[in-house]
PDB file of N, CA and C in Angstrom:
ATOM      1  N   MET A   1      95.085 104.990 116.985  1.00  0.00           N
ATOM      2  CA  MET A   1      96.262 104.197 116.743  1.00  0.00           C
ATOM      3  C   MET A   1      97.064 104.875 115.623  1.00  0.00           C
ATOM      4  N   SER A   2      98.346 104.948 115.786  1.00  0.00           N
ATOM      5  CA  SER A   2      99.210 105.626 114.817  1.00  0.00           C
ATOM      6  C   SER A   2      99.435 104.768 113.571  1.00  0.00           C
ATOM      7  N   TYR A   3      99.927 105.413 112.536  1.00  0.00           N
ATOM      8  CA  TYR A   3     100.278 104.724 111.287  1.00  0.00           C
ATOM      9  C   TYR A   3     101.290 103.619 111.573  1.00  0.00           C
ATOM     10  N   ASP A   4     102.337 103.958 112.302  1.00  0.00           N
ATOM     11  CA  ASP A   4     103.393 102.999 112.624  1.00  0.00           C
ATOM     12  C   ASP A   4     102.835 101.807 113.404  1.00  0.00           C
ATOM     13  N   GLN A   5     102.029 102.071 114.402  1.00  0.00           N
ATOM     14  CA  GLN A   5     101.478 101.003 115.233  1.00  0.00           C
ATOM     15  C   GLN A   5     100.526 100.115 114.435  1.00  0.00           C
ATOM     16  N   THR A   6      99.692 100.710 113.587  1.00  0.00           N
ATOM     17  CA  THR A   6      98.767  99.921 112.769  1.00  0.00           C
ATOM     18  C   THR A   6      99.537  98.993 111.844  1.00  0.00           C
ATOM     19  N   LEU A   7     100.580  99.508 111.207  1.00  0.00           N
ATOM     20  CA  LEU A   7     101.375  98.647 110.327  1.00  0.00           C
ATOM     21  C   LEU A   7     102.167  97.606 111.113  1.00  0.00           C
ATOM     22  N   ARG A   8     102.537  97.918 112.329  1.00  0.00           N
ATOM     23  CA  ARG A   8     103.227  96.928 113.161  1.00  0.00           C
ATOM     24  C   ARG A   8     102.280  95.748 113.442  1.00  0.00           C
ATOM     25  N   TYR A   9     101.038  96.048 113.815  1.00  0.00           N
ATOM     26  CA  TYR A   9     100.055  94.980 114.045  1.00  0.00           C
ATOM     27  C   TYR A   9      99.782  94.209 112.755  1.00  0.00           C
ATOM     28  N   PHE A  10      99.706  94.927 111.643  1.00  0.00           N
ATOM     29  CA  PHE A  10      99.483  94.287 110.357  1.00  0.00           C
ATOM     30  C   PHE A  10     100.649  93.351 110.024  1.00  0.00           C
ATOM     31  N   THR A  11     101.869  93.744 110.364  1.00  0.00           N
ATOM     32  CA  THR A  11     103.040  92.885 110.150  1.00  0.00           C
ATOM     33  C   THR A  11     102.916  91.613 110.967  1.00  0.00           C
ATOM     34  N   TRP A  12     102.557  91.742 112.236  1.00  0.00           N
ATOM     35  CA  TRP A  12     102.394  90.560 113.099  1.00  0.00           C
ATOM     36  C   TRP A  12     101.312  89.639 112.564  1.00  0.00           C
ATOM     37  N   LEU A  13     100.180  90.227 112.158  1.00  0.00           N
ATOM     38  CA  LEU A  13      99.091  89.423 111.608  1.00  0.00           C
ATOM     39  C   LEU A  13      99.540  88.702 110.347  1.00  0.00           C
ATOM     40  N   SER A  14     100.224  89.409 109.472  1.00  0.00           N
ATOM     41  CA  SER A  14     100.705  88.795 108.229  1.00  0.00           C
ATOM     42  C   SER A  14     101.669  87.655 108.522  1.00  0.00           C
ATOM     43  N   GLY A  15     102.566  87.845 109.477  1.00  0.00           N
ATOM     44  CA  GLY A  15     103.502  86.788 109.850  1.00  0.00           C
ATOM     45  C   GLY A  15     102.792  85.565 110.398  1.00  0.00           C
ATOM     46  N   ALA A  16     101.800  85.796 111.245  1.00  0.00           N
ATOM     47  CA  ALA A  16     101.029  84.673 111.795  1.00  0.00           C
ATOM     48  C   ALA A  16     100.296  83.930 110.679  1.00  0.00           C
ATOM     49  N   LEU A  17      99.761  84.681 109.727  1.00  0.00           N
ATOM     50  CA  LEU A  17      99.050  84.046 108.616  1.00  0.00           C
ATOM     51  C   LEU A  17      99.992  83.257 107.719  1.00  0.00           C
ATOM     52  N   VAL A  18     101.213  83.735 107.530  1.00  0.00           N
ATOM     53  CA  VAL A  18     102.194  82.967 106.763  1.00  0.00           C
ATOM     54  C   VAL A  18     102.423  81.619 107.439  1.00  0.00           C
ATOM     55  N   ILE A  19     102.645  81.639 108.736  1.00  0.00           N
ATOM     56  CA  ILE A  19     102.912  80.403 109.479  1.00  0.00           C
ATOM     57  C   ILE A  19     101.729  79.438 109.386  1.00  0.00           C
ATOM     58  N   VAL A  20     100.525  79.952 109.633  1.00  0.00           N
ATOM     59  CA  VAL A  20      99.351  79.077 109.646  1.00  0.00           C
ATOM     60  C   VAL A  20      98.976  78.626 108.240  1.00  0.00           C
ATOM     61  N   LEU A  21      98.850  79.561 107.303  1.00  0.00           N
ATOM     62  CA  LEU A  21      98.389  79.198 105.967  1.00  0.00           C
ATOM     63  C   LEU A  21      99.400  78.359 105.197  1.00  0.00           C
ATOM     64  N   PHE A  22     100.676  78.688 105.331  1.00  0.00           N
ATOM     65  CA  PHE A  22     101.686  77.930 104.598  1.00  0.00           C
ATOM     66  C   PHE A  22     102.121  76.683 105.354  1.00  0.00           C
ATOM     67  N   GLY A  23     102.385  76.846 106.643  1.00  0.00           N
ATOM     68  CA  GLY A  23     102.933  75.725 107.412  1.00  0.00           C
ATOM     69  C   GLY A  23     101.903  74.759 107.973  1.00  0.00           C
ATOM     70  N   LEU A  24     100.705  75.261 108.279  1.00  0.00           N
ATOM     71  CA  LEU A  24      99.669  74.427 108.891  1.00  0.00           C
ATOM     72  C   LEU A  24      98.328  74.631 108.174  1.00  0.00           C
ATOM     73  N   PRO A  25      98.267  74.363 106.872  1.00  0.00           N
ATOM     74  CA  PRO A  25      97.035  74.663 106.137  1.00  0.00           C
ATOM     75  C   PRO A  25      95.811  73.938 106.689  1.00  0.00           C
ATOM     76  N   TRP A  26      96.007  72.754 107.230  1.00  0.00           N
ATOM     77  CA  TRP A  26      94.875  72.008 107.803  1.00  0.00           C
ATOM     78  C   TRP A  26      94.228  72.766 108.950  1.00  0.00           C
ATOM     79  N   LEU A  27      95.034  73.533 109.712  1.00  0.00           N
ATOM     80  CA  LEU A  27      94.494  74.300 110.835  1.00  0.00           C
ATOM     81  C   LEU A  27      93.539  75.391 110.343  1.00  0.00           C
ATOM     82  N   ALA A  28      93.948  76.127 109.318  1.00  0.00           N
ATOM     83  CA  ALA A  28      93.085  77.168 108.759  1.00  0.00           C
ATOM     84  C   ALA A  28      91.812  76.554 108.183  1.00  0.00           C
ATOM     85  N   LEU A  29      91.960  75.452 107.472  1.00  0.00           N
ATOM     86  CA  LEU A  29      90.783  74.800 106.885  1.00  0.00           C
ATOM     87  C   LEU A  29      89.825  74.320 107.975  1.00  0.00           C
ATOM     88  N   THR A  30      90.369  73.795 109.063  1.00  0.00           N
ATOM     89  CA  THR A  30      89.536  73.340 110.177  1.00  0.00           C
ATOM     90  C   THR A  30      88.836  74.518 110.851  1.00  0.00           C
ATOM     91  N   LEU A  31      89.582  75.608 111.125  1.00  0.00           N
ATOM     92  CA  LEU A  31      88.990  76.784 111.774  1.00  0.00           C
ATOM     93  C   LEU A  31      87.857  77.382 110.947  1.00  0.00           C
ATOM     94  N   PHE A  32      88.010  77.349 109.626  1.00  0.00           N
ATOM     95  CA  PHE A  32      87.002  77.937 108.754  1.00  0.00           C
ATOM     96  C   PHE A  32      85.926  76.934 108.352  1.00  0.00           C
ATOM     97  N   GLY A  33      86.025  75.697 108.852  1.00  0.00           N
ATOM     98  CA  GLY A  33      85.008  74.693 108.563  1.00  0.00           C
ATOM     99  C   GLY A  33      84.993  74.266 107.106  1.00  0.00           C
ATOM    100  N   LEU A  34      86.169  74.209 106.487  1.00  0.00           N
ATOM    101  CA  LEU A  34      86.269  73.847 105.071  1.00  0.00           C
ATOM    102  C   LEU A  34      86.764  72.419 104.922  1.00  0.00           C
ATOM    103  N   ASP A  35      86.382  71.792 103.813  1.00  0.00           N
ATOM    104  CA  ASP A  35      86.847  70.442 103.519  1.00  0.00           C
ATOM    105  C   ASP A  35      88.354  70.457 103.326  1.00  0.00           C
ATOM    106  N   GLN A  36      88.990  69.387 103.784  1.00  0.00           N
ATOM    107  CA  GLN A  36      90.429  69.266 103.608  1.00  0.00           C
ATOM    108  C   GLN A  36      90.713  68.352 102.435  1.00  0.00           C
ATOM    109  N   GLY A  37      91.835  68.536 101.839  1.00  0.00           N
ATOM    110  CA  GLY A  37      92.252  67.743 100.690  1.00  0.00           C
ATOM    111  C   GLY A  37      93.408  68.429 100.016  1.00  0.00           C
ATOM    112  N   THR A  38      93.853  67.846  98.927  1.00  0.00           N
ATOM    113  CA  THR A  38      95.014  68.382  98.222  1.00  0.00           C
ATOM    114  C   THR A  38      94.750  69.777  97.663  1.00  0.00           C
ATOM    115  N   ALA A  39      93.657  69.955  96.948  1.00  0.00           N
ATOM    116  CA  ALA A  39      93.383  71.259  96.315  1.00  0.00           C
ATOM    117  C   ALA A  39      93.232  72.380  97.347  1.00  0.00           C
ATOM    118  N   PRO A  40      92.426  72.201  98.396  1.00  0.00           N
ATOM    119  CA  PRO A  40      92.331  73.281  99.391  1.00  0.00           C
ATOM    120  C   PRO A  40      93.669  73.593 100.061  1.00  0.00           C
ATOM    121  N   GLU A  41      94.480  72.566 100.319  1.00  0.00           N
ATOM    122  CA  GLU A  41      95.781  72.807 100.950  1.00  0.00           C
ATOM    123  C   GLU A  41      96.713  73.574 100.018  1.00  0.00           C
ATOM    124  N   VAL A  42      96.676  73.266  98.728  1.00  0.00           N
ATOM    125  CA  VAL A  42      97.509  73.992  97.761  1.00  0.00           C
ATOM    126  C   VAL A  42      97.120  75.467  97.747  1.00  0.00           C
ATOM    127  N   ILE A  43      95.824  75.745  97.666  1.00  0.00           N
ATOM    128  CA  ILE A  43      95.349  77.127  97.628  1.00  0.00           C
ATOM    129  C   ILE A  43      95.652  77.845  98.943  1.00  0.00           C
ATOM    130  N   THR A  44      95.501  77.153 100.060  1.00  0.00           N
ATOM    131  CA  THR A  44      95.787  77.750 101.366  1.00  0.00           C
ATOM    132  C   THR A  44      97.265  78.110 101.476  1.00  0.00           C
ATOM    133  N   ARG A  45      98.140  77.228 101.037  1.00  0.00           N
ATOM    134  CA  ARG A  45      99.583  77.526 101.073  1.00  0.00           C
ATOM    135  C   ARG A  45      99.917  78.721 100.177  1.00  0.00           C
ATOM    136  N   ARG A  46      99.288  78.792  99.007  1.00  0.00           N
ATOM    137  CA  ARG A  46      99.537  79.921  98.107  1.00  0.00           C
ATOM    138  C   ARG A  46      99.076  81.225  98.751  1.00  0.00           C
ATOM    139  N   ALA A  47      97.953  81.194  99.462  1.00  0.00           N
ATOM    140  CA  ALA A  47      97.487  82.393 100.180  1.00  0.00           C
ATOM    141  C   ALA A  47      98.499  82.791 101.245  1.00  0.00           C
ATOM    142  N   GLY A  48      99.106  81.799 101.895  1.00  0.00           N
ATOM    143  CA  GLY A  48     100.137  82.081 102.893  1.00  0.00           C
ATOM    144  C   GLY A  48     101.312  82.835 102.305  1.00  0.00           C
ATOM    145  N   ILE A  49     101.690  82.478 101.083  1.00  0.00           N
ATOM    146  CA  ILE A  49     102.806  83.152 100.432  1.00  0.00           C
ATOM    147  C   ILE A  49     102.437  84.592 100.080  1.00  0.00           C
ATOM    148  N   LEU A  50     101.178  84.852  99.747  1.00  0.00           N
ATOM    149  CA  LEU A  50     100.761  86.240  99.511  1.00  0.00           C
ATOM    150  C   LEU A  50     100.973  87.083 100.772  1.00  0.00           C
ATOM    151  N   PHE A  51     100.659  86.520 101.925  1.00  0.00           N
ATOM    152  CA  PHE A  51     100.867  87.255 103.174  1.00  0.00           C
ATOM    153  C   PHE A  51     102.345  87.396 103.507  1.00  0.00           C
ATOM    154  N   LEU A  52     103.189  86.527 102.977  1.00  0.00           N
ATOM    155  CA  LEU A  52     104.631  86.692 103.154  1.00  0.00           C
ATOM    156  C   LEU A  52     105.079  88.012 102.527  1.00  0.00           C
ATOM    157  N   GLY A  53     104.505  88.344 101.377  1.00  0.00           N
ATOM    158  CA  GLY A  53     104.820  89.630 100.742  1.00  0.00           C
ATOM    159  C   GLY A  53     104.454  90.807 101.632  1.00  0.00           C
ATOM    160  N   PHE A  54     103.254  90.759 102.230  1.00  0.00           N
ATOM    161  CA  PHE A  54     102.851  91.831 103.144  1.00  0.00           C
ATOM    162  C   PHE A  54     103.750  91.866 104.373  1.00  0.00           C
ATOM    163  N   PHE A  55     104.111  90.693 104.877  1.00  0.00           N
ATOM    164  CA  PHE A  55     104.976  90.611 106.055  1.00  0.00           C
ATOM    165  C   PHE A  55     106.331  91.271 105.786  1.00  0.00           C
ATOM    166  N   LEU A  56     106.860  91.080 104.586  1.00  0.00           N
ATOM    167  CA  LEU A  56     108.151  91.659 104.237  1.00  0.00           C
ATOM    168  C   LEU A  56     108.050  93.140 103.873  1.00  0.00           C
ATOM    169  N   LEU A  57     106.929  93.558 103.305  1.00  0.00           N
ATOM    170  CA  LEU A  57     106.744  94.958 102.903  1.00  0.00           C
ATOM    171  C   LEU A  57     106.386  95.888 104.053  1.00  0.00           C
ATOM    172  N   ALA A  58     105.569  95.425 104.972  1.00  0.00           N
ATOM    173  CA  ALA A  58     105.018  96.305 106.012  1.00  0.00           C
ATOM    174  C   ALA A  58     106.082  97.051 106.821  1.00  0.00           C
ATOM    175  N   PRO A  59     107.180  96.410 107.241  1.00  0.00           N
ATOM    176  CA  PRO A  59     108.184  97.185 107.992  1.00  0.00           C
ATOM    177  C   PRO A  59     108.760  98.357 107.182  1.00  0.00           C
ATOM    178  N   ALA A  60     108.950  98.166 105.881  1.00  0.00           N
ATOM    179  CA  ALA A  60     109.459  99.257 105.047  1.00  0.00           C
ATOM    180  C   ALA A  60     108.399 100.343 104.889  1.00  0.00           C
ATOM    181  N   LEU A  61     107.139  99.945 104.775  1.00  0.00           N
ATOM    182  CA  LEU A  61     106.056 100.921 104.632  1.00  0.00           C
ATOM    183  C   LEU A  61     105.902 101.778 105.881  1.00  0.00           C
ATOM    184  N   ARG A  62     106.271 101.241 107.033  1.00  0.00           N
ATOM    185  CA  ARG A  62     106.180 102.003 108.279  1.00  0.00           C
ATOM    186  C   ARG A  62     107.103 103.217 108.253  1.00  0.00           C
ATOM    187  N   ARG A  63     108.184 103.152 107.479  1.00  0.00           N
ATOM    188  CA  ARG A  63     109.160 104.238 107.448  1.00  0.00           C
ATOM    189  C   ARG A  63     108.792 105.346 106.457  1.00  0.00           C
ATOM    190  N   VAL A  64     107.721 105.142 105.684  1.00  0.00           N
ATOM    191  CA  VAL A  64     107.296 106.159 104.711  1.00  0.00           C
ATOM    192  C   VAL A  64     106.874 107.413 105.460  1.00  0.00           C
ATOM    193  N   GLN A  65     107.405 108.564 105.048  1.00  0.00           N
ATOM    194  CA  GLN A  65     107.107 109.826 105.729  1.00  0.00           C
ATOM    195  C   GLN A  65     106.088 110.687 104.983  1.00  0.00           C
ATOM    196  N   ASP A  66     106.014 110.538 103.671  1.00  0.00           N
ATOM    197  CA  ASP A  66     105.139 111.369 102.850  1.00  0.00           C
ATOM    198  C   ASP A  66     103.664 111.045 103.129  1.00  0.00           C
ATOM    199  N   SER A  67     102.883 112.073 103.481  1.00  0.00           N
ATOM    200  CA  SER A  67     101.477 111.896 103.837  1.00  0.00           C
ATOM    201  C   SER A  67     100.641 111.350 102.687  1.00  0.00           C
ATOM    202  N   THR A  68     100.911 111.810 101.473  1.00  0.00           N
ATOM    203  CA  THR A  68     100.154 111.328 100.314  1.00  0.00           C
ATOM    204  C   THR A  68     100.389 109.837 100.100  1.00  0.00           C
ATOM    205  N   THR A  69     101.619 109.428 100.222  1.00  0.00           N
ATOM    206  CA  THR A  69     101.946 108.014 100.058  1.00  0.00           C
ATOM    207  C   THR A  69     101.312 107.194 101.180  1.00  0.00           C
ATOM    208  N   ARG A  70     101.351 107.695 102.396  1.00  0.00           N
ATOM    209  CA  ARG A  70     100.706 106.997 103.514  1.00  0.00           C
ATOM    210  C   ARG A  70      99.209 106.829 103.267  1.00  0.00           C
ATOM    211  N   ARG A  71      98.578 107.869 102.728  1.00  0.00           N
ATOM    212  CA  ARG A  71      97.141 107.779 102.420  1.00  0.00           C
ATOM    213  C   ARG A  71      96.874 106.704 101.367  1.00  0.00           C
ATOM    214  N   MET A  72      97.709 106.653 100.346  1.00  0.00           N
ATOM    215  CA  MET A  72      97.531 105.658  99.289  1.00  0.00           C
ATOM    216  C   MET A  72      97.732 104.244  99.823  1.00  0.00           C
ATOM    217  N   ILE A  73      98.733 104.054 100.659  1.00  0.00           N
ATOM    218  CA  ILE A  73      98.972 102.746 101.282  1.00  0.00           C
ATOM    219  C   ILE A  73      97.776 102.374 102.149  1.00  0.00           C
ATOM    220  N   SER A  74      97.308 103.309 102.952  1.00  0.00           N
ATOM    221  CA  SER A  74      96.166 103.063 103.830  1.00  0.00           C
ATOM    222  C   SER A  74      94.918 102.726 103.025  1.00  0.00           C
ATOM    223  N   ARG A  75      94.698 103.447 101.932  1.00  0.00           N
ATOM    224  CA  ARG A  75      93.525 103.188 101.087  1.00  0.00           C
ATOM    225  C   ARG A  75      93.581 101.776 100.493  1.00  0.00           C
ATOM    226  N   ALA A  76      94.726 101.400  99.961  1.00  0.00           N
ATOM    227  CA  ALA A  76      94.866 100.076  99.352  1.00  0.00           C
ATOM    228  C   ALA A  76      94.623  98.969 100.380  1.00  0.00           C
ATOM    229  N   LEU A  77      95.201  99.115 101.555  1.00  0.00           N
ATOM    230  CA  LEU A  77      95.028  98.093 102.586  1.00  0.00           C
ATOM    231  C   LEU A  77      93.608  98.087 103.142  1.00  0.00           C
ATOM    232  N   ALA A  78      92.973  99.258 103.243  1.00  0.00           N
ATOM    233  CA  ALA A  78      91.584  99.327 103.708  1.00  0.00           C
ATOM    234  C   ALA A  78      90.659  98.613 102.732  1.00  0.00           C
ATOM    235  N   VAL A  79      90.842  98.851 101.447  1.00  0.00           N
ATOM    236  CA  VAL A  79      90.005  98.191 100.440  1.00  0.00           C
ATOM    237  C   VAL A  79      90.210  96.681 100.487  1.00  0.00           C
ATOM    238  N   MET A  80      91.468  96.252 100.571  1.00  0.00           N
ATOM    239  CA  MET A  80      91.752  94.824 100.638  1.00  0.00           C
ATOM    240  C   MET A  80      91.070  94.179 101.842  1.00  0.00           C
ATOM    241  N   MET A  81      91.187  94.822 103.011  1.00  0.00           N
ATOM    242  CA  MET A  81      90.590  94.267 104.216  1.00  0.00           C
ATOM    243  C   MET A  81      89.059  94.263 104.137  1.00  0.00           C
ATOM    244  N   LEU A  82      88.473  95.321 103.580  1.00  0.00           N
ATOM    245  CA  LEU A  82      87.018  95.399 103.455  1.00  0.00           C
ATOM    246  C   LEU A  82      86.495  94.295 102.539  1.00  0.00           C
ATOM    247  N   VAL A  83      87.148  94.090 101.407  1.00  0.00           N
ATOM    248  CA  VAL A  83      86.713  93.056 100.471  1.00  0.00           C
ATOM    249  C   VAL A  83      86.886  91.669 101.088  1.00  0.00           C
ATOM    250  N   MET A  84      87.994  91.447 101.788  1.00  0.00           N
ATOM    251  CA  MET A  84      88.188  90.146 102.439  1.00  0.00           C
ATOM    252  C   MET A  84      87.113  89.906 103.498  1.00  0.00           C
ATOM    253  N   ALA A  85      86.791  90.931 104.292  1.00  0.00           N
ATOM    254  CA  ALA A  85      85.752  90.791 105.312  1.00  0.00           C
ATOM    255  C   ALA A  85      84.400  90.513 104.663  1.00  0.00           C
ATOM    256  N   GLY A  86      84.081  91.252 103.616  1.00  0.00           N
ATOM    257  CA  GLY A  86      82.813  91.044 102.917  1.00  0.00           C
ATOM    258  C   GLY A  86      82.717  89.667 102.295  1.00  0.00           C
ATOM    259  N   LEU A  87      83.784  89.226 101.664  1.00  0.00           N
ATOM    260  CA  LEU A  87      83.809  87.894 101.067  1.00  0.00           C
ATOM    261  C   LEU A  87      83.656  86.820 102.141  1.00  0.00           C
ATOM    262  N   GLY A  88      84.354  86.999 103.252  1.00  0.00           N
ATOM    263  CA  GLY A  88      84.244  86.027 104.345  1.00  0.00           C
ATOM    264  C   GLY A  88      82.833  85.925 104.884  1.00  0.00           C
ATOM    265  N   MET A  89      82.194  87.075 105.097  1.00  0.00           N
ATOM    266  CA  MET A  89      80.820  87.059 105.615  1.00  0.00           C
ATOM    267  C   MET A  89      79.857  86.459 104.586  1.00  0.00           C
ATOM    268  N   ALA A  90      80.085  86.739 103.304  1.00  0.00           N
ATOM    269  CA  ALA A  90      79.230  86.162 102.256  1.00  0.00           C
ATOM    270  C   ALA A  90      79.377  84.647 102.213  1.00  0.00           C
ATOM    271  N   GLU A  91      80.611  84.168 102.274  1.00  0.00           N
ATOM    272  CA  GLU A  91      80.841  82.716 102.248  1.00  0.00           C
ATOM    273  C   GLU A  91      80.211  82.048 103.467  1.00  0.00           C
ATOM    274  N   TRP A  92      80.342  82.682 104.623  1.00  0.00           N
ATOM    275  CA  TRP A  92      79.727  82.151 105.834  1.00  0.00           C
ATOM    276  C   TRP A  92      78.202  82.178 105.711  1.00  0.00           C
ATOM    277  N   GLY A  93      77.656  83.305 105.232  1.00  0.00           N
ATOM    278  CA  GLY A  93      76.212  83.438 105.083  1.00  0.00           C
ATOM    279  C   GLY A  93      75.619  82.431 104.112  1.00  0.00           C
ATOM    280  N   LEU A  94      76.381  82.041 103.099  1.00  0.00           N
ATOM    281  CA  LEU A  94      75.929  81.057 102.129  1.00  0.00           C
ATOM    282  C   LEU A  94      76.143  79.622 102.621  1.00  0.00           C
ATOM    283  N   GLY A  95      76.712  79.488 103.810  1.00  0.00           N
ATOM    284  CA  GLY A  95      76.933  78.161 104.373  1.00  0.00           C
ATOM    285  C   GLY A  95      78.124  77.420 103.799  1.00  0.00           C
ATOM    286  N   ARG A  96      79.024  78.139 103.163  1.00  0.00           N
ATOM    287  CA  ARG A  96      80.203  77.523 102.553  1.00  0.00           C
ATOM    288  C   ARG A  96      81.391  77.453 103.494  1.00  0.00           C
ATOM    289  N   ALA A  97      81.297  78.106 104.634  1.00  0.00           N
ATOM    290  CA  ALA A  97      82.403  78.143 105.601  1.00  0.00           C
ATOM    291  C   ALA A  97      81.813  78.150 107.002  1.00  0.00           C
ATOM    292  N   GLY A  98      82.633  77.733 107.951  1.00  0.00           N
ATOM    293  CA  GLY A  98      82.194  77.660 109.339  1.00  0.00           C
ATOM    294  C   GLY A  98      82.326  78.989 110.064  1.00  0.00           C
ATOM    295  N   PRO A  99      81.909  79.006 111.318  1.00  0.00           N
ATOM    296  CA  PRO A  99      81.906  80.252 112.094  1.00  0.00           C
ATOM    297  C   PRO A  99      83.293  80.821 112.382  1.00  0.00           C
ATOM    298  N   GLY A 100      84.341  80.045 112.202  1.00  0.00           N
ATOM    299  CA  GLY A 100      85.696  80.573 112.385  1.00  0.00           C
ATOM    300  C   GLY A 100      85.995  81.717 111.429  1.00  0.00           C
ATOM    301  N   LEU A 101      85.288  81.714 110.293  1.00  0.00           N
ATOM    302  CA  LEU A 101      85.498  82.770 109.314  1.00  0.00           C
ATOM    303  C   LEU A 101      84.947  84.104 109.807  1.00  0.00           C
ATOM    304  N   ILE A 102      84.000  84.073 110.727  1.00  0.00           N
ATOM    305  CA  ILE A 102      83.465  85.314 111.297  1.00  0.00           C
ATOM    306  C   ILE A 102      84.568  86.058 112.051  1.00  0.00           C
ATOM    307  N   LEU A 103      85.365  85.335 112.836  1.00  0.00           N
ATOM    308  CA  LEU A 103      86.471  85.962 113.572  1.00  0.00           C
ATOM    309  C   LEU A 103      87.455  86.621 112.603  1.00  0.00           C
ATOM    310  N   ALA A 104      87.770  85.919 111.519  1.00  0.00           N
ATOM    311  CA  ALA A 104      88.673  86.500 110.522  1.00  0.00           C
ATOM    312  C   ALA A 104      88.057  87.761 109.921  1.00  0.00           C
ATOM    313  N   SER A 105      86.774  87.718 109.613  1.00  0.00           N
ATOM    314  CA  SER A 105      86.102  88.871 109.008  1.00  0.00           C
ATOM    315  C   SER A 105      86.050  90.063 109.960  1.00  0.00           C
ATOM    316  N   ILE A 106      85.834  89.793 111.231  1.00  0.00           N
ATOM    317  CA  ILE A 106      85.820  90.871 112.232  1.00  0.00           C
ATOM    318  C   ILE A 106      87.206  91.510 112.327  1.00  0.00           C
ATOM    319  N   THR A 107      88.240  90.684 112.322  1.00  0.00           N
ATOM    320  CA  THR A 107      89.618  91.189 112.361  1.00  0.00           C
ATOM    321  C   THR A 107      89.907  92.033 111.125  1.00  0.00           C
ATOM    322  N   GLU A 108      89.496  91.553 109.961  1.00  0.00           N
ATOM    323  CA  GLU A 108      89.716  92.293 108.727  1.00  0.00           C
ATOM    324  C   GLU A 108      88.954  93.619 108.739  1.00  0.00           C
ATOM    325  N   LEU A 109      87.737  93.597 109.252  1.00  0.00           N
ATOM    326  CA  LEU A 109      86.960  94.837 109.338  1.00  0.00           C
ATOM    327  C   LEU A 109      87.625  95.842 110.289  1.00  0.00           C
ATOM    328  N   ALA A 110      88.181  95.349 111.396  1.00  0.00           N
ATOM    329  CA  ALA A 110      88.881  96.229 112.338  1.00  0.00           C
ATOM    330  C   ALA A 110      90.094  96.875 111.660  1.00  0.00           C
ATOM    331  N   PHE A 111      90.846  96.105 110.887  1.00  0.00           N
ATOM    332  CA  PHE A 111      91.986  96.675 110.166  1.00  0.00           C
ATOM    333  C   PHE A 111      91.504  97.659 109.103  1.00  0.00           C
ATOM    334  N   CYS A 112      90.402  97.344 108.431  1.00  0.00           N
ATOM    335  CA  CYS A 112      89.841  98.262 107.440  1.00  0.00           C
ATOM    336  C   CYS A 112      89.537  99.608 108.092  1.00  0.00           C
ATOM    337  N   LEU A 113      88.859  99.584 109.222  1.00  0.00           N
ATOM    338  CA  LEU A 113      88.513 100.828 109.907  1.00  0.00           C
ATOM    339  C   LEU A 113      89.759 101.587 110.357  1.00  0.00           C
ATOM    340  N   ALA A 114      90.762 100.858 110.825  1.00  0.00           N
ATOM    341  CA  ALA A 114      92.011 101.511 111.245  1.00  0.00           C
ATOM    342  C   ALA A 114      92.690 102.190 110.052  1.00  0.00           C
ATOM    343  N   PHE A 115      92.722 101.504 108.915  1.00  0.00           N
ATOM    344  CA  PHE A 115      93.357 102.095 107.734  1.00  0.00           C
ATOM    345  C   PHE A 115      92.529 103.257 107.176  1.00  0.00           C
ATOM    346  N   LEU A 116      91.203 103.173 107.252  1.00  0.00           N
ATOM    347  CA  LEU A 116      90.367 104.297 106.823  1.00  0.00           C
ATOM    348  C   LEU A 116      90.629 105.526 107.690  1.00  0.00           C
ATOM    349  N   ARG A 117      90.773 105.312 108.982  1.00  0.00           N
ATOM    350  CA  ARG A 117      91.086 106.411 109.901  1.00  0.00           C
ATOM    351  C   ARG A 117      92.425 107.040 109.534  1.00  0.00           C
ATOM    352  N   LEU A 118      93.370 106.188 109.153  1.00  0.00           N
ATOM    353  CA  LEU A 118      94.700 106.699 108.783  1.00  0.00           C
ATOM    354  C   LEU A 118      94.667 107.475 107.477  1.00  0.00           C
ATOM    355  N   MET A 119      93.685 107.217 106.635  1.00  0.00           N
ATOM    356  CA  MET A 119      93.562 107.992 105.403  1.00  0.00           C
ATOM    357  C   MET A 119      93.260 109.454 105.727  1.00  0.00           C
ATOM    358  N   LYS A 120      92.485 109.681 106.792  1.00  0.00           N
ATOM    359  CA  LYS A 120      92.140 111.035 107.192  1.00  0.00           C
ATOM    360  C   LYS A 120      93.255 111.693 108.005  1.00  0.00           C
ATOM    361  N   HIS A 121      93.950 110.876 108.790  1.00  0.00           N
ATOM    362  CA  HIS A 121      95.024 111.370 109.660  1.00  0.00           C
ATOM    363  C   HIS A 121      96.258 110.491 109.461  1.00  0.00           C
ATOM    364  N   PRO A 122      96.987 110.648 108.357  1.00  0.00           N
ATOM    365  CA  PRO A 122      98.096 109.754 108.044  1.00  0.00           C
ATOM    366  C   PRO A 122      99.317 109.907 108.938  1.00  0.00           C
ATOM    367  N   ASP A 123      99.370 110.933 109.759  1.00  0.00           N
ATOM    368  CA  ASP A 123     100.544 111.142 110.616  1.00  0.00           C
ATOM    369  C   ASP A 123     100.245 110.639 111.975  1.00  0.00           C
TER     370      ASP A 123
END
């Protein structure tokens, strides 16, 4: 998968997460088997806004031509995805979240691997 295509998918994922986490926080909490309430919804909405930043940045990052910069972008996103996947699996393994978090972790791991591949072949 090319750099452009990987970031395009990442943009779509980020946009979907903005909609779900910010607009429908109860849905994310239900999918992940988490308790609902004011505090979890506040934190879920705030997480949605973080993905809004990625959603707005990713199209501009797709236009980056410099290989070194592409590698740095890929490295940062790979680390972020790996840590999110690891955290998700740990929370699930500790019984703090439902099996819906496994799907999220698998998706994050797939993006991590795609970004790691792009570190070696940024063009």
